[in-house]
């Protein structure tokens, strides 16, 4: 009897935990850890790689943490200035999102976010998988830009 593979059985495959080439790096001391998360099988494509859109959503959440301290109220993402995928992210990786404020303007704030993976089978060794720069703007109750409080700077 031959084995039949169908879309219904592909989810039974083990996650893709094959080693990925990448230079081990130290986490940057001038950044703040703002989020840690482990992607699950539901966040992956059929090859076991995590969807880029999922990573982007996590970066937006992580990127908002530091600006929120300055905005002291509502704010919105207004630009993704840069987004670079350096290495694939796999099911079971432990992802660390580190952020650093780059600029605080009158109404907007720009933050850099680095994403580092500890591979499922290689804990304690970090590989930079993504880097991004995002801009957030402080907004009022009507969604209009408002000044970032001076006391927050």
N, C-alpha and C. Protein backbone atom coordinates (compact mmCIF):
# COMPACT_ATOMS: atom_id res chain seq x y z
N UNK A 1 0.84 -1.17 0.00
CA UNK A 1 0.00 0.00 0.00
C UNK A 1 0.89 1.24 0.00
N UNK A 2 0.61 2.17 -0.87
CA UNK A 2 1.40 3.39 -0.95
C UNK A 2 0.91 4.41 0.07
N UNK A 3 1.83 5.25 0.45
CA UNK A 3 1.49 6.32 1.41
C UNK A 3 0.96 7.52 0.63
N UNK A 4 -0.17 8.01 1.02
CA UNK A 4 -0.78 9.16 0.37
C UNK A 4 -0.61 10.37 1.28
N UNK A 5 -0.07 11.43 0.72
CA UNK A 5 0.08 12.67 1.47
C UNK A 5 -1.00 13.64 1.01
N UNK A 6 -1.69 14.18 1.95
CA UNK A 6 -2.72 15.16 1.63
C UNK A 6 -2.50 16.40 2.48
N UNK A 7 -3.15 17.50 2.12
CA UNK A 7 -3.01 18.71 2.94
C UNK A 7 -3.47 18.48 4.38
N UNK A 8 -4.34 17.50 4.59
CA UNK A 8 -4.83 17.24 5.94
C UNK A 8 -3.78 16.57 6.81
N UNK A 9 -2.81 15.88 6.19
CA UNK A 9 -1.79 15.19 6.98
C UNK A 9 -0.48 15.97 7.09
N UNK A 10 -0.33 17.04 6.35
CA UNK A 10 0.93 17.78 6.39
C UNK A 10 1.18 18.42 7.75
N UNK A 11 0.13 18.71 8.49
CA UNK A 11 0.34 19.31 9.81
C UNK A 11 0.93 18.32 10.80
N UNK A 12 0.98 17.06 10.46
CA UNK A 12 1.53 16.04 11.34
C UNK A 12 3.05 15.97 11.25
N UNK A 13 3.65 16.64 10.27
CA UNK A 13 5.09 16.65 10.14
C UNK A 13 5.70 17.38 11.33
N UNK A 14 6.88 16.94 11.79
CA UNK A 14 7.51 17.67 12.89
C UNK A 14 7.93 19.06 12.43
N UNK A 15 8.02 19.99 13.36
CA UNK A 15 8.43 21.35 12.97
C UNK A 15 9.82 21.33 12.36
N UNK A 16 10.08 22.32 11.53
CA UNK A 16 11.36 22.46 10.87
C UNK A 16 12.37 23.01 11.88
N UNK A 17 13.17 22.12 12.42
CA UNK A 17 14.18 22.54 13.40
C UNK A 17 15.59 22.31 12.87
N UNK A 18 15.71 22.16 11.55
CA UNK A 18 17.04 22.00 10.96
C UNK A 18 17.89 23.22 11.30
N UNK A 19 19.18 23.03 11.56
CA UNK A 19 20.03 24.19 11.86
C UNK A 19 20.03 25.19 10.71
N UNK A 20 20.05 26.44 11.06
CA UNK A 20 20.13 27.52 10.07
C UNK A 20 21.47 28.20 10.28
N UNK A 21 22.18 28.40 9.18
CA UNK A 21 23.46 29.07 9.27
C UNK A 21 23.25 30.49 9.76
N UNK A 22 24.05 30.91 10.67
CA UNK A 22 23.97 32.27 11.17
C UNK A 22 25.05 32.49 12.20
N UNK A 23 25.61 33.66 12.14
CA UNK A 23 26.68 34.00 13.07
C UNK A 23 26.10 34.29 14.45
N UNK A 24 26.65 33.65 15.44
CA UNK A 24 26.23 33.91 16.82
C UNK A 24 26.67 35.31 17.20
N UNK A 25 25.77 36.06 17.83
CA UNK A 25 26.06 37.45 18.20
C UNK A 25 25.74 37.68 19.66
N UNK A 26 26.33 38.72 20.21
CA UNK A 26 25.99 39.18 21.55
C UNK A 26 24.79 40.11 21.45
N UNK A 27 23.92 40.07 22.44
CA UNK A 27 22.79 41.00 22.45
C UNK A 27 23.33 42.41 22.73
N UNK A 28 22.81 43.42 22.02
CA UNK A 28 23.34 44.78 22.21
C UNK A 28 23.01 45.33 23.60
N UNK A 29 24.03 45.82 24.27
CA UNK A 29 23.88 46.34 25.63
C UNK A 29 23.10 47.65 25.67
N UNK A 30 23.04 48.38 24.55
CA UNK A 30 22.36 49.67 24.54
C UNK A 30 20.88 49.55 24.13
N UNK A 31 20.37 48.34 24.02
CA UNK A 31 18.96 48.09 23.72
C UNK A 31 18.27 47.51 24.95
N UNK A 32 16.96 47.61 24.99
CA UNK A 32 16.16 47.11 26.11
C UNK A 32 15.34 45.92 25.63
N UNK A 33 15.33 44.85 26.40
CA UNK A 33 14.47 43.70 26.09
C UNK A 33 13.03 44.11 26.33
N UNK A 34 12.21 44.08 25.28
CA UNK A 34 10.82 44.53 25.40
C UNK A 34 9.81 43.40 25.17
N UNK A 35 10.27 42.26 24.61
CA UNK A 35 9.34 41.16 24.34
C UNK A 35 10.12 39.88 24.12
N UNK A 36 9.57 38.78 24.60
CA UNK A 36 10.09 37.44 24.31
C UNK A 36 8.90 36.59 23.94
N UNK A 37 9.05 35.80 22.87
CA UNK A 37 7.93 34.98 22.42
C UNK A 37 8.47 33.76 21.68
N UNK A 38 7.69 32.67 21.71
CA UNK A 38 8.02 31.45 20.99
C UNK A 38 6.96 31.23 19.93
N UNK A 39 7.33 31.28 18.64
CA UNK A 39 6.34 31.03 17.59
C UNK A 39 5.89 29.57 17.60
N UNK A 40 4.63 29.36 17.29
CA UNK A 40 4.00 28.04 17.33
C UNK A 40 3.70 27.54 15.93
N UNK A 41 3.37 26.28 15.78
CA UNK A 41 3.09 25.73 14.44
C UNK A 41 2.02 26.50 13.65
N UNK A 42 1.05 27.06 14.33
CA UNK A 42 0.02 27.84 13.64
C UNK A 42 0.53 29.13 13.03
N UNK A 43 1.75 29.54 13.41
CA UNK A 43 2.37 30.76 12.89
C UNK A 43 3.28 30.48 11.70
N UNK A 44 3.33 29.21 11.25
CA UNK A 44 4.29 28.79 10.23
C UNK A 44 3.63 28.41 8.92
N UNK A 45 4.42 28.50 7.86
CA UNK A 45 3.97 28.03 6.55
C UNK A 45 4.22 26.52 6.45
N UNK A 46 3.94 25.94 5.31
CA UNK A 46 4.06 24.49 5.12
C UNK A 46 5.49 24.00 5.26
N UNK A 47 6.47 24.89 5.11
CA UNK A 47 7.88 24.50 5.25
C UNK A 47 8.39 24.58 6.68
N UNK A 48 7.57 25.09 7.59
CA UNK A 48 7.99 25.22 8.97
C UNK A 48 8.65 26.55 9.28
N UNK A 49 8.68 27.45 8.31
CA UNK A 49 9.21 28.79 8.55
C UNK A 49 8.07 29.70 9.00
N UNK A 50 8.35 30.57 9.94
CA UNK A 50 7.33 31.48 10.47
C UNK A 50 7.00 32.54 9.42
N UNK A 51 5.72 32.83 9.28
CA UNK A 51 5.27 33.85 8.33
C UNK A 51 5.92 35.19 8.64
N UNK A 52 6.38 35.88 7.61
CA UNK A 52 6.98 37.20 7.79
C UNK A 52 5.99 38.18 8.39
N UNK A 53 4.73 38.08 8.03
CA UNK A 53 3.71 38.97 8.59
C UNK A 53 3.54 38.79 10.08
N UNK A 54 3.70 37.56 10.56
CA UNK A 54 3.63 37.30 12.00
C UNK A 54 4.79 38.00 12.70
N UNK A 55 5.99 37.89 12.12
CA UNK A 55 7.16 38.54 12.70
C UNK A 55 6.94 40.06 12.70
N UNK A 56 6.40 40.59 11.60
CA UNK A 56 6.17 42.03 11.51
C UNK A 56 5.20 42.50 12.60
N UNK A 57 4.16 41.74 12.85
CA UNK A 57 3.19 42.11 13.90
C UNK A 57 3.86 42.14 15.27
N UNK A 58 4.72 41.16 15.54
CA UNK A 58 5.42 41.12 16.83
C UNK A 58 6.39 42.29 16.95
N UNK A 59 7.05 42.64 15.85
CA UNK A 59 7.97 43.79 15.86
C UNK A 59 7.20 45.08 16.15
N UNK A 60 6.01 45.22 15.58
CA UNK A 60 5.20 46.42 15.83
C UNK A 60 4.82 46.51 17.31
N UNK A 61 4.44 45.38 17.90
CA UNK A 61 4.13 45.36 19.34
C UNK A 61 5.36 45.72 20.16
N UNK A 62 6.47 45.06 19.86
CA UNK A 62 7.71 45.31 20.61
C UNK A 62 8.19 46.74 20.43
N UNK A 63 8.07 47.24 19.20
CA UNK A 63 8.53 48.59 18.91
C UNK A 63 7.74 49.66 19.62
N UNK A 64 6.52 49.36 20.01
CA UNK A 64 5.66 50.36 20.66
C UNK A 64 5.93 50.51 22.15
N UNK A 65 6.66 49.58 22.75
CA UNK A 65 6.85 49.60 24.20
C UNK A 65 7.58 50.85 24.67
N UNK A 66 8.74 51.15 24.11
CA UNK A 66 9.49 52.33 24.56
C UNK A 66 8.78 53.64 24.21
N UNK A 67 8.29 53.82 22.99
CA UNK A 67 7.57 55.06 22.68
C UNK A 67 6.35 55.29 23.58
N UNK A 68 5.71 54.22 24.02
CA UNK A 68 4.54 54.36 24.89
C UNK A 68 4.90 55.06 26.19
N UNK A 69 6.12 54.85 26.65
CA UNK A 69 6.58 55.51 27.88
C UNK A 69 6.68 57.02 27.69
N UNK A 70 7.00 57.43 26.47
CA UNK A 70 7.12 58.85 26.17
C UNK A 70 5.78 59.47 25.78
N UNK A 71 4.98 58.73 25.03
CA UNK A 71 3.70 59.27 24.55
C UNK A 71 2.73 59.54 25.69
N UNK A 72 2.77 58.74 26.73
CA UNK A 72 1.88 58.88 27.88
C UNK A 72 0.43 59.03 27.45
N UNK A 73 0.01 58.18 26.57
CA UNK A 73 -1.35 58.19 26.05
C UNK A 73 -1.40 57.47 24.72
N UNK A 74 -2.43 57.74 23.96
CA UNK A 74 -2.59 57.06 22.68
C UNK A 74 -1.45 57.40 21.73
N UNK A 75 -1.14 56.41 20.90
CA UNK A 75 -0.17 56.61 19.83
C UNK A 75 -0.48 55.61 18.73
N UNK A 76 0.09 55.87 17.57
CA UNK A 76 -0.17 55.01 16.41
C UNK A 76 1.13 54.81 15.64
N UNK A 77 1.24 53.66 15.00
CA UNK A 77 2.36 53.40 14.09
C UNK A 77 2.09 54.21 12.82
N UNK A 78 3.04 55.04 12.42
CA UNK A 78 2.84 55.83 11.20
C UNK A 78 3.78 55.43 10.08
N UNK A 79 4.87 54.74 10.40
CA UNK A 79 5.79 54.33 9.34
C UNK A 79 6.63 53.15 9.78
N UNK A 80 6.86 52.28 8.83
CA UNK A 80 7.88 51.25 8.96
C UNK A 80 8.98 51.72 8.02
N UNK A 81 10.00 52.35 8.61
CA UNK A 81 11.05 52.98 7.83
C UNK A 81 11.99 51.97 7.19
N UNK A 82 12.18 50.86 7.89
CA UNK A 82 13.07 49.81 7.40
C UNK A 82 12.65 48.50 8.03
N UNK A 83 12.73 47.42 7.27
CA UNK A 83 12.43 46.09 7.79
C UNK A 83 13.26 45.10 7.00
N UNK A 84 14.19 44.42 7.68
CA UNK A 84 15.08 43.49 7.00
C UNK A 84 15.00 42.13 7.67
N UNK A 85 14.64 41.11 6.87
CA UNK A 85 14.67 39.73 7.35
C UNK A 85 16.05 39.18 7.02
N UNK A 86 16.80 38.80 8.05
CA UNK A 86 18.17 38.34 7.86
C UNK A 86 18.26 36.81 7.82
N UNK A 87 17.44 36.15 8.62
CA UNK A 87 17.44 34.70 8.72
C UNK A 87 16.00 34.24 8.92
N UNK A 88 15.68 33.01 8.53
CA UNK A 88 14.33 32.51 8.80
C UNK A 88 14.11 32.29 10.29
N UNK A 89 12.86 32.38 10.70
CA UNK A 89 12.45 32.07 12.06
C UNK A 89 11.72 30.74 12.00
N UNK A 90 11.96 29.88 12.96
CA UNK A 90 11.40 28.54 12.96
C UNK A 90 10.51 28.31 14.17
N UNK A 91 9.61 27.37 14.03
CA UNK A 91 8.77 26.94 15.15
C UNK A 91 9.69 26.51 16.29
N UNK A 92 9.39 26.98 17.49
CA UNK A 92 10.16 26.61 18.66
C UNK A 92 11.33 27.52 18.99
N UNK A 93 11.70 28.43 18.08
CA UNK A 93 12.74 29.40 18.40
C UNK A 93 12.25 30.28 19.55
N UNK A 94 13.17 30.67 20.41
CA UNK A 94 12.84 31.67 21.42
C UNK A 94 13.30 33.00 20.85
N UNK A 95 12.35 33.90 20.60
CA UNK A 95 12.68 35.19 20.00
C UNK A 95 12.76 36.26 21.07
N UNK A 96 13.83 37.03 21.04
CA UNK A 96 14.02 38.18 21.93
C UNK A 96 13.97 39.43 21.08
N UNK A 97 13.11 40.37 21.46
CA UNK A 97 12.95 41.63 20.74
C UNK A 97 13.58 42.72 21.60
N UNK A 98 14.60 43.36 21.08
CA UNK A 98 15.30 44.42 21.80
C UNK A 98 15.11 45.73 21.07
N UNK A 99 14.84 46.79 21.83
CA UNK A 99 14.52 48.08 21.22
C UNK A 99 15.40 49.19 21.78
N UNK A 100 15.56 50.22 20.95
CA UNK A 100 16.31 51.41 21.35
C UNK A 100 15.65 52.63 20.70
N UNK A 101 15.40 53.66 21.50
CA UNK A 101 14.85 54.90 20.97
C UNK A 101 15.93 55.58 20.12
N UNK A 102 15.56 55.96 18.92
CA UNK A 102 16.48 56.65 18.02
C UNK A 102 16.26 58.15 18.03
N UNK A 103 14.98 58.55 18.07
CA UNK A 103 14.66 59.97 17.97
C UNK A 103 13.32 60.24 18.62
N UNK A 104 13.26 61.35 19.32
CA UNK A 104 11.98 61.83 19.87
C UNK A 104 11.78 63.24 19.33
N UNK A 105 10.76 63.38 18.52
CA UNK A 105 10.45 64.68 17.94
C UNK A 105 9.30 65.35 18.68
N UNK A 106 8.71 66.34 18.06
CA UNK A 106 7.61 67.07 18.70
C UNK A 106 6.39 66.16 18.90
N UNK A 107 6.02 65.39 17.87
CA UNK A 107 4.87 64.49 17.97
C UNK A 107 5.23 63.04 17.67
N UNK A 108 6.39 62.80 17.08
CA UNK A 108 6.72 61.43 16.68
C UNK A 108 7.95 60.90 17.39
N UNK A 109 8.06 59.59 17.39
CA UNK A 109 9.16 58.88 18.03
C UNK A 109 9.60 57.74 17.11
N UNK A 110 10.91 57.62 16.92
CA UNK A 110 11.45 56.56 16.07
C UNK A 110 12.23 55.59 16.93
N UNK A 111 12.01 54.30 16.69
CA UNK A 111 12.63 53.25 17.49
C UNK A 111 13.23 52.18 16.57
N UNK A 112 14.37 51.65 16.98
CA UNK A 112 14.98 50.52 16.29
C UNK A 112 14.66 49.25 17.08
N UNK A 113 14.35 48.18 16.35
CA UNK A 113 14.05 46.90 16.97
C UNK A 113 14.92 45.83 16.33
N UNK A 114 15.61 45.07 17.15
CA UNK A 114 16.38 43.93 16.69
C UNK A 114 15.72 42.67 17.22
N UNK A 115 15.62 41.65 16.37
CA UNK A 115 15.02 40.38 16.78
C UNK A 115 16.10 39.32 16.74
N UNK A 116 16.27 38.62 17.85
CA UNK A 116 17.31 37.62 18.00
C UNK A 116 16.67 36.29 18.34
N UNK A 117 17.12 35.23 17.66
CA UNK A 117 16.55 33.90 17.88
C UNK A 117 17.54 33.01 18.63
N UNK A 118 17.01 32.30 19.61
CA UNK A 118 17.71 31.17 20.19
C UNK A 118 17.04 29.96 19.55
N UNK A 119 17.78 29.23 18.75
CA UNK A 119 17.20 28.10 18.03
C UNK A 119 16.75 27.00 18.98
N UNK A 120 15.70 26.31 18.57
CA UNK A 120 15.09 25.22 19.34
C UNK A 120 16.15 24.26 19.87
N UNK A 121 17.11 23.94 19.03
CA UNK A 121 18.12 22.95 19.41
C UNK A 121 19.47 23.58 19.77
N UNK A 122 19.48 24.88 20.04
CA UNK A 122 20.75 25.55 20.35
C UNK A 122 20.50 26.74 21.27
N UNK A 123 19.93 26.48 22.43
CA UNK A 123 19.59 27.53 23.38
C UNK A 123 20.85 28.24 23.88
N UNK A 124 20.71 29.53 24.17
CA UNK A 124 21.82 30.32 24.71
C UNK A 124 22.71 30.94 23.64
N UNK A 125 22.49 30.60 22.38
CA UNK A 125 23.24 31.17 21.27
C UNK A 125 22.27 32.02 20.45
N UNK A 126 22.58 33.30 20.29
CA UNK A 126 21.67 34.22 19.61
C UNK A 126 22.09 34.46 18.17
N UNK A 127 21.10 34.48 17.29
CA UNK A 127 21.28 34.81 15.88
C UNK A 127 20.33 35.95 15.57
N UNK A 128 20.85 37.03 14.97
CA UNK A 128 19.99 38.14 14.59
C UNK A 128 19.18 37.72 13.38
N UNK A 129 17.85 37.74 13.52
CA UNK A 129 16.99 37.28 12.43
C UNK A 129 16.27 38.41 11.72
N UNK A 130 16.05 39.51 12.41
CA UNK A 130 15.31 40.63 11.82
C UNK A 130 15.76 41.93 12.47
N UNK A 131 15.74 42.99 11.68
CA UNK A 131 15.95 44.33 12.24
C UNK A 131 14.97 45.28 11.57
N UNK A 132 14.51 46.24 12.33
CA UNK A 132 13.51 47.17 11.80
C UNK A 132 13.65 48.52 12.47
N UNK A 133 13.12 49.53 11.78
CA UNK A 133 13.01 50.87 12.35
C UNK A 133 11.58 51.33 12.08
N UNK A 134 10.90 51.76 13.15
CA UNK A 134 9.51 52.17 13.06
C UNK A 134 9.34 53.55 13.67
N UNK A 135 8.33 54.27 13.19
CA UNK A 135 8.00 55.58 13.73
C UNK A 135 6.57 55.55 14.24
N UNK A 136 6.39 56.06 15.43
CA UNK A 136 5.08 56.16 16.08
C UNK A 136 4.79 57.63 16.31
N UNK A 137 3.51 57.98 16.34
CA UNK A 137 3.11 59.37 16.62
C UNK A 137 2.12 59.37 17.77
N UNK A 138 2.33 60.31 18.68
CA UNK A 138 1.37 60.50 19.78
C UNK A 138 0.11 61.10 19.19
N UNK A 139 -1.07 60.58 19.58
CA UNK A 139 -2.33 61.08 19.03
C UNK A 139 -3.31 61.40 20.16
N UNK A 140 -4.24 62.31 19.84
CA UNK A 140 -5.28 62.67 20.81
C UNK A 140 -6.49 61.75 20.62
N UNK A 141 -7.57 62.03 21.32
CA UNK A 141 -8.77 61.18 21.26
C UNK A 141 -9.44 61.19 19.89
N UNK A 142 -9.15 62.18 19.07
CA UNK A 142 -9.71 62.25 17.72
C UNK A 142 -8.75 61.65 16.68
N UNK A 143 -7.62 61.13 17.14
CA UNK A 143 -6.65 60.53 16.24
C UNK A 143 -5.72 61.51 15.56
N UNK A 144 -5.72 62.73 16.04
CA UNK A 144 -4.85 63.77 15.48
C UNK A 144 -3.52 63.80 16.24
N UNK A 145 -2.41 64.12 15.55
CA UNK A 145 -1.12 64.21 16.24
C UNK A 145 -1.16 65.22 17.38
N UNK A 146 -0.49 64.88 18.46
CA UNK A 146 -0.37 65.77 19.62
C UNK A 146 1.08 65.76 20.07
N UNK A 147 1.50 66.78 20.76
CA UNK A 147 2.91 66.81 21.22
C UNK A 147 3.22 65.69 22.21
N UNK A 148 4.45 65.18 22.11
CA UNK A 148 4.95 64.25 23.12
C UNK A 148 5.20 65.10 24.37
N UNK A 149 4.70 64.66 25.52
CA UNK A 149 4.89 65.48 26.74
C UNK A 149 6.37 65.74 27.01
N UNK A 150 6.66 67.00 27.29
CA UNK A 150 8.05 67.41 27.59
C UNK A 150 8.55 66.69 28.83
N UNK A 151 7.68 66.45 29.80
CA UNK A 151 8.09 65.78 31.04
C UNK A 151 8.54 64.34 30.78
N UNK A 152 8.15 63.76 29.65
CA UNK A 152 8.52 62.38 29.33
C UNK A 152 9.91 62.29 28.73
N UNK A 153 10.43 63.42 28.25
CA UNK A 153 11.73 63.37 27.54
C UNK A 153 12.90 63.44 28.50
